[in-house]
Amino acid sequence: MLDEVVSTNEEAGGEIFTFNDVLSNDQEDPSTKAARHLDWESFWAVLSERERVVVLFVAEGKTLQQAARLLGLSDSTLQGSRKRIGVKIIDSMGADILAEVRRHPQWRNSLEATREKQACRVERQAA
């Protein structure tokens, strides 16, 4: 069943894609990506310019001290901005957003468990 042909890519020299290829694709679901993009746009719209700089610096792995120097502000002022950003994230995306972004989709957990079970069967048969 997993080896059934789903499609053939004639442009890539007739490459065949099976159902297993589709399931093993590690890329995120396009609808999830689109929803996250819309959420991000809504969230970004409520941030002040200072808060946007803080988000960009943190996303780039820079420190709040570096952002403070760029903006000519004190570290404590940006600590306050960071806290306000946290409140805005929760208001905009919900209190469980941090757990949600770290959680694997349920279908992926099920797929990984199935793969592990199949690998164990193959190992037992080979032994």
C-alpha atoms as a PDB file:
ATOM      1  CA  MET A   1       0.000   0.000   0.000  1.00  0.00           C
ATOM      2  CA  LEU A   2       2.788   2.471   0.868  1.00  0.00           C
ATOM      3  CA  ASP A   3       4.509   1.716  -2.422  1.00  0.00           C
ATOM      4  CA  GLU A   4       1.534   2.788  -4.542  1.00  0.00           C
ATOM      5  CA  VAL A   5       2.436   5.453  -7.091  1.00  0.00           C
ATOM      6  CA  VAL A   6       0.996   8.859  -6.204  1.00  0.00           C
ATOM      7  CA  SER A   7       2.440  10.827  -9.110  1.00  0.00           C
ATOM      8  CA  THR A   8       5.143  10.881 -11.723  1.00  0.00           C
ATOM      9  CA  ASN A   9       7.287  13.939 -12.399  1.00  0.00           C
ATOM     10  CA  GLU A  10       8.008  13.920 -16.138  1.00  0.00           C
ATOM     11  CA  GLU A  11      10.183  17.055 -15.857  1.00  0.00           C
ATOM     12  CA  ALA A  12      12.539  15.226 -13.481  1.00  0.00           C
ATOM     13  CA  GLY A  13      13.136  12.348 -15.864  1.00  0.00           C
ATOM     14  CA  GLY A  14      10.019  10.388 -14.924  1.00  0.00           C
ATOM     15  CA  GLU A  15      10.724  10.333 -11.190  1.00  0.00           C
ATOM     16  CA  ILE A  16       8.034   8.355  -9.370  1.00  0.00           C
ATOM     17  CA  PHE A  17       6.576   9.436  -6.023  1.00  0.00           C
ATOM     18  CA  THR A  18       4.991   6.805  -3.815  1.00  0.00           C
ATOM     19  CA  PHE A  19       2.563   7.218  -0.949  1.00  0.00           C
ATOM     20  CA  ASN A  20       5.477   6.529   1.406  1.00  0.00           C
ATOM     21  CA  ASP A  21       7.400   9.481  -0.141  1.00  0.00           C
ATOM     22  CA  VAL A  22       4.488  11.772   0.626  1.00  0.00           C
ATOM     23  CA  LEU A  23       4.208  10.606   4.237  1.00  0.00           C
ATOM     24  CA  SER A  24       7.931  10.804   4.883  1.00  0.00           C
ATOM     25  CA  ASN A  25       8.104  14.421   3.728  1.00  0.00           C
ATOM     26  CA  ASP A  26       9.328  16.445   6.718  1.00  0.00           C
ATOM     27  CA  GLN A  27       8.022  19.748   5.423  1.00  0.00           C
ATOM     28  CA  GLU A  28       5.225  21.455   7.257  1.00  0.00           C
ATOM     29  CA  ASP A  29       1.666  21.414   5.986  1.00  0.00           C
ATOM     30  CA  PRO A  30       1.113  24.449   3.689  1.00  0.00           C
ATOM     31  CA  SER A  31      -2.159  25.359   5.430  1.00  0.00           C
ATOM     32  CA  THR A  32      -0.380  25.479   8.786  1.00  0.00           C
ATOM     33  CA  LYS A  33       2.312  27.705   7.304  1.00  0.00           C
ATOM     34  CA  ALA A  34      -0.295  30.032   5.808  1.00  0.00           C
ATOM     35  CA  ALA A  35      -2.226  30.273   9.091  1.00  0.00           C
ATOM     36  CA  ARG A  36       0.980  31.016  11.004  1.00  0.00           C
ATOM     37  CA  HIS A  37       1.859  33.717   8.476  1.00  0.00           C
ATOM     38  CA  LEU A  38      -1.543  35.377   8.967  1.00  0.00           C
ATOM     39  CA  ASP A  39      -1.177  35.163  12.754  1.00  0.00           C
ATOM     40  CA  TRP A  40       2.282  36.700  12.515  1.00  0.00           C
ATOM     41  CA  GLU A  41       1.057  39.573  10.319  1.00  0.00           C
ATOM     42  CA  SER A  42      -1.714  40.366  12.804  1.00  0.00           C
ATOM     43  CA  PHE A  43       0.723  40.230  15.702  1.00  0.00           C
ATOM     44  CA  TRP A  44       3.342  42.340  13.908  1.00  0.00           C
ATOM     45  CA  ALA A  45       0.721  45.045  13.248  1.00  0.00           C
ATOM     46  CA  VAL A  46       0.145  45.643  16.977  1.00  0.00           C
ATOM     47  CA  LEU A  47       3.831  46.068  17.831  1.00  0.00           C
ATOM     48  CA  SER A  48       5.450  49.460  18.224  1.00  0.00           C
ATOM     49  CA  GLU A  49       8.599  50.236  16.245  1.00  0.00           C
ATOM     50  CA  ARG A  50      10.709  49.657  19.368  1.00  0.00           C
ATOM     51  CA  GLU A  51       9.067  46.289  19.986  1.00  0.00           C
ATOM     52  CA  ARG A  52       9.677  45.290  16.368  1.00  0.00           C
ATOM     53  CA  VAL A  53      13.388  46.037  16.755  1.00  0.00           C
ATOM     54  CA  VAL A  54      13.461  43.885  19.904  1.00  0.00           C
ATOM     55  CA  VAL A  55      11.759  40.993  18.097  1.00  0.00           C
ATOM     56  CA  LEU A  56      14.114  41.261  15.124  1.00  0.00           C
ATOM     57  CA  PHE A  57      17.207  41.369  17.323  1.00  0.00           C
ATOM     58  CA  VAL A  58      16.104  38.366  19.372  1.00  0.00           C
ATOM     59  CA  ALA A  59      15.186  36.441  16.198  1.00  0.00           C
ATOM     60  CA  GLU A  60      18.679  37.128  14.846  1.00  0.00           C
ATOM     61  CA  GLY A  61      20.265  35.852  18.068  1.00  0.00           C
ATOM     62  CA  LYS A  62      21.356  39.302  19.226  1.00  0.00           C
ATOM     63  CA  THR A  63      20.986  40.644  22.750  1.00  0.00           C
ATOM     64  CA  LEU A  64      18.683  43.258  24.180  1.00  0.00           C
ATOM     65  CA  GLN A  65      21.799  45.236  25.089  1.00  0.00           C
ATOM     66  CA  GLN A  66      22.671  45.493  21.411  1.00  0.00           C
ATOM     67  CA  ALA A  67      19.132  46.627  20.587  1.00  0.00           C
ATOM     68  CA  ALA A  68      19.260  49.174  23.416  1.00  0.00           C
ATOM     69  CA  ARG A  69      22.495  50.632  22.073  1.00  0.00           C
ATOM     70  CA  LEU A  70      21.046  50.882  18.573  1.00  0.00           C
ATOM     71  CA  LEU A  71      17.925  52.640  19.850  1.00  0.00           C
ATOM     72  CA  GLY A  72      19.785  54.810  22.373  1.00  0.00           C
ATOM     73  CA  LEU A  73      17.779  53.389  25.278  1.00  0.00           C
ATOM     74  CA  SER A  74      18.607  51.742  28.573  1.00  0.00           C
ATOM     75  CA  ASP A  75      18.598  47.980  29.020  1.00  0.00           C
ATOM     76  CA  SER A  76      15.796  48.243  31.574  1.00  0.00           C
ATOM     77  CA  THR A  77      13.603  50.126  29.091  1.00  0.00           C
ATOM     78  CA  LEU A  78      13.951  47.273  26.623  1.00  0.00           C
ATOM     79  CA  GLN A  79      13.313  44.723  29.360  1.00  0.00           C
ATOM     80  CA  GLY A  80       9.954  46.442  29.807  1.00  0.00           C
ATOM     81  CA  SER A  81       9.379  46.262  26.044  1.00  0.00           C
ATOM     82  CA  ARG A  82      10.220  42.558  26.112  1.00  0.00           C
ATOM     83  CA  LYS A  83       7.618  41.965  28.826  1.00  0.00           C
ATOM     84  CA  ARG A  84       4.986  43.904  26.852  1.00  0.00           C
ATOM     85  CA  ILE A  85       5.799  41.802  23.786  1.00  0.00           C
ATOM     86  CA  GLY A  86       5.178  38.666  25.848  1.00  0.00           C
ATOM     87  CA  VAL A  87       1.790  39.975  26.960  1.00  0.00           C
ATOM     88  CA  LYS A  88       0.914  40.873  23.355  1.00  0.00           C
ATOM     89  CA  ILE A  89       1.900  37.386  22.176  1.00  0.00           C
ATOM     90  CA  ILE A  90      -0.402  35.804  24.731  1.00  0.00           C
ATOM     91  CA  ASP A  91      -3.215  38.239  23.913  1.00  0.00           C
ATOM     92  CA  SER A  92      -2.817  37.694  20.183  1.00  0.00           C
ATOM     93  CA  MET A  93      -2.090  33.984  19.961  1.00  0.00           C
ATOM     94  CA  GLY A  94      -3.318  32.495  23.238  1.00  0.00           C
ATOM     95  CA  ALA A  95      -1.703  31.389  26.459  1.00  0.00           C
ATOM     96  CA  ASP A  96      -0.722  27.991  25.063  1.00  0.00           C
ATOM     97  CA  ILE A  97       1.182  29.348  22.049  1.00  0.00           C
ATOM     98  CA  LEU A  98       4.649  28.372  23.331  1.00  0.00           C
ATOM     99  CA  ALA A  99       3.540  24.771  23.881  1.00  0.00           C
ATOM    100  CA  GLU A 100       1.808  24.736  20.491  1.00  0.00           C
ATOM    101  CA  VAL A 101       4.826  25.824  18.464  1.00  0.00           C
ATOM    102  CA  ARG A 102       7.016  23.149  20.059  1.00  0.00           C
ATOM    103  CA  ARG A 103       4.500  20.307  19.681  1.00  0.00           C
ATOM    104  CA  HIS A 104       4.725  17.890  16.747  1.00  0.00           C
ATOM    105  CA  PRO A 105       1.471  17.468  14.823  1.00  0.00           C
ATOM    106  CA  GLN A 106      -0.455  14.440  16.097  1.00  0.00           C
ATOM    107  CA  TRP A 107      -0.345  12.746  12.691  1.00  0.00           C
ATOM    108  CA  ARG A 108       3.465  12.957  12.715  1.00  0.00           C
ATOM    109  CA  ASN A 109       3.673  11.279  16.144  1.00  0.00           C
ATOM    110  CA  SER A 110       1.463   8.464  14.861  1.00  0.00           C
ATOM    111  CA  LEU A 111       3.536   8.108  11.688  1.00  0.00           C
ATOM    112  CA  GLU A 112       6.802   7.965  13.644  1.00  0.00           C
ATOM    113  CA  ALA A 113       5.378   5.311  15.971  1.00  0.00           C
ATOM    114  CA  THR A 114       4.309   3.232  12.962  1.00  0.00           C
ATOM    115  CA  ARG A 115       7.779   3.515  11.426  1.00  0.00           C
ATOM    116  CA  GLU A 116       9.440   2.450  14.675  1.00  0.00           C
ATOM    117  CA  LYS A 117       7.093  -0.536  14.975  1.00  0.00           C
ATOM    118  CA  GLN A 118       7.876  -1.597  11.394  1.00  0.00           C
ATOM    119  CA  ALA A 119      11.619  -1.239  12.020  1.00  0.00           C
ATOM    120  CA  CYS A 120      11.356  -3.476  15.096  1.00  0.00           C
ATOM    121  CA  ARG A 121       9.487  -6.117  13.074  1.00  0.00           C
ATOM    122  CA  VAL A 122      12.179  -6.070  10.388  1.00  0.00           C
ATOM    123  CA  GLU A 123      14.905  -6.425  13.045  1.00  0.00           C
ATOM    124  CA  ARG A 124      13.081  -9.387  14.680  1.00  0.00           C
ATOM    125  CA  GLN A 125      12.605 -11.114  11.326  1.00  0.00           C
ATOM    126  CA  ALA A 126      16.277 -10.656  10.454  1.00  0.00           C
ATOM    127  CA  ALA A 127      17.422 -12.134  13.769  1.00  0.00           C
END
